Amino acid sequence: MGQHPNFENRAVVGRAMRLRREIDDFEAKWPNLAKREEVLPAISWTQLERQLVDLAATPAQADMARHLVSATRKLAPFKPPEMVLREILCMTWVLLDENFRAEPDPAGDPMN
């Protein structure tokens, strides 16, 4: 049996409200620039994904790149461009970090 429609609607509204708060917080910290500036070259999501896959430190991180780009792409139309850029930079940092592990260390050491 599926979840009750009211519960599903509340969950969707809750996610939308969290996203709106994240955007409002970002825009408060980083307001739009008044002057026109030179813009970055346009690239596609496919180009971004293939470059991140190629740059990833490990095969596991290369696989993770596909999921991170997909998740970022889905919400990008609702966010300011600079916020999307920041998310891309953060995901790049994670994908290039040779010490990053998506899974906990089997030895149980959270710092390793």
Protein backbone atom coordinates (compact mmCIF):
# COMPACT_ATOMS: atom_id res chain seq x y z
CA MET A 1 0.00 0.00 0.00
CA GLY A 2 1.21 3.50 -0.83
CA GLN A 3 1.48 6.33 1.60
CA HIS A 4 -1.52 8.50 2.33
CA PRO A 5 -1.81 11.36 -0.22
CA ASN A 6 -1.86 14.03 2.51
CA PHE A 7 1.40 12.66 3.95
CA GLU A 8 3.01 12.68 0.50
CA ASN A 9 1.79 16.24 -0.14
CA ARG A 10 3.20 17.43 3.20
CA ALA A 11 6.54 15.81 2.41
CA VAL A 12 6.70 17.57 -0.98
CA VAL A 13 5.73 20.90 0.57
CA GLY A 14 8.33 20.40 3.31
CA ARG A 15 11.07 19.75 0.74
CA ALA A 16 10.00 22.79 -1.29
CA MET A 17 10.04 24.99 1.82
CA ARG A 18 13.55 23.76 2.77
CA LEU A 19 14.77 24.49 -0.76
CA ARG A 20 13.23 27.98 -0.61
CA ARG A 21 15.00 28.64 2.73
CA GLU A 22 18.32 27.43 1.28
CA ILE A 23 17.89 29.76 -1.70
CA ASP A 24 16.87 32.71 0.50
CA ASP A 25 19.88 32.14 2.78
CA PHE A 26 22.21 31.93 -0.22
CA GLU A 27 20.81 35.09 -1.82
CA ALA A 28 21.08 36.96 1.49
CA LYS A 29 24.77 36.05 1.69
CA TRP A 30 25.50 36.43 -2.02
CA PRO A 31 23.17 39.06 -3.56
CA ASN A 32 23.05 39.46 -7.33
CA LEU A 33 25.75 41.73 -8.68
CA ALA A 34 24.40 45.02 -10.02
CA LYS A 35 26.90 45.40 -12.84
CA ARG A 36 27.09 43.19 -15.89
CA GLU A 37 30.12 40.95 -15.87
CA GLU A 38 31.71 38.57 -18.31
CA VAL A 39 29.98 35.19 -18.01
CA LEU A 40 31.39 31.68 -18.02
CA PRO A 41 31.24 29.68 -21.24
CA ALA A 42 28.09 27.60 -21.54
CA ILE A 43 28.60 23.87 -21.04
CA SER A 44 26.13 21.02 -20.98
CA TRP A 45 25.35 18.75 -18.05
CA THR A 46 26.74 15.86 -20.11
CA GLN A 47 30.03 17.70 -20.55
CA LEU A 48 30.20 18.47 -16.82
CA GLU A 49 29.49 14.84 -15.95
CA ARG A 50 32.09 13.39 -18.29
CA GLN A 51 34.76 15.78 -17.01
CA LEU A 52 33.97 14.97 -13.38
CA VAL A 53 34.01 11.24 -14.14
CA ASP A 54 37.40 11.65 -15.81
CA LEU A 55 38.81 13.73 -12.93
CA ALA A 56 37.45 11.52 -10.12
CA ALA A 57 40.11 10.08 -7.83
CA THR A 58 38.66 6.55 -7.75
CA PRO A 59 36.24 4.42 -9.78
CA ALA A 60 33.71 4.66 -6.92
CA GLN A 61 33.92 8.43 -7.02
CA ALA A 62 33.54 8.39 -10.82
CA ASP A 63 30.30 6.43 -10.36
CA MET A 64 29.23 8.88 -7.65
CA ALA A 65 29.79 11.77 -10.09
CA ARG A 66 26.91 10.59 -12.27
CA HIS A 67 24.52 10.62 -9.32
CA LEU A 68 25.73 13.98 -7.99
CA VAL A 69 25.39 15.66 -11.38
CA SER A 70 21.91 14.20 -11.82
CA ALA A 71 20.77 15.44 -8.41
CA THR A 72 22.27 18.89 -8.99
CA ARG A 73 20.73 19.12 -12.45
CA LYS A 74 17.22 18.34 -11.18
CA LEU A 75 17.19 21.27 -8.74
CA ALA A 76 19.31 23.73 -10.77
CA PRO A 77 16.36 25.44 -12.52
CA PHE A 78 15.05 26.56 -9.13
CA LYS A 79 18.34 27.97 -7.81
CA PRO A 80 20.39 31.06 -8.60
CA PRO A 81 23.22 30.24 -11.04
CA GLU A 82 25.91 31.11 -8.50
CA MET A 83 24.38 28.65 -6.04
CA VAL A 84 24.55 25.91 -8.66
CA LEU A 85 28.16 26.84 -9.38
CA ARG A 86 28.97 26.53 -5.67
CA GLU A 87 27.40 23.06 -5.58
CA ILE A 88 29.43 22.01 -8.64
CA LEU A 89 32.62 23.24 -6.98
CA CYS A 90 31.78 21.32 -3.79
CA MET A 91 31.05 18.11 -5.67
CA THR A 92 34.31 18.52 -7.59
CA TRP A 93 36.22 18.85 -4.33
CA VAL A 94 34.68 15.59 -3.04
CA LEU A 95 35.36 13.76 -6.29
CA LEU A 96 39.02 14.82 -6.38
CA ASP A 97 39.66 13.95 -2.73
CA GLU A 98 41.58 10.68 -2.75
CA ASN A 99 40.85 10.21 0.96
CA PHE A 100 37.07 10.62 0.66
CA ARG A 101 35.10 7.45 1.32
CA ALA A 102 31.36 7.24 0.76
CA GLU A 103 31.23 4.15 2.98
CA PRO A 104 32.45 3.98 6.58
CA ASP A 105 35.88 2.43 7.09
CA PRO A 106 35.48 -1.33 7.73
CA ALA A 107 37.91 -1.07 10.65
CA GLY A 108 35.40 1.21 12.33
CA ASP A 109 37.72 4.20 12.56
CA PRO A 110 35.58 7.23 11.56
CA MET A 111 38.69 9.34 11.02
CA ASN A 112 40.31 6.98 8.54
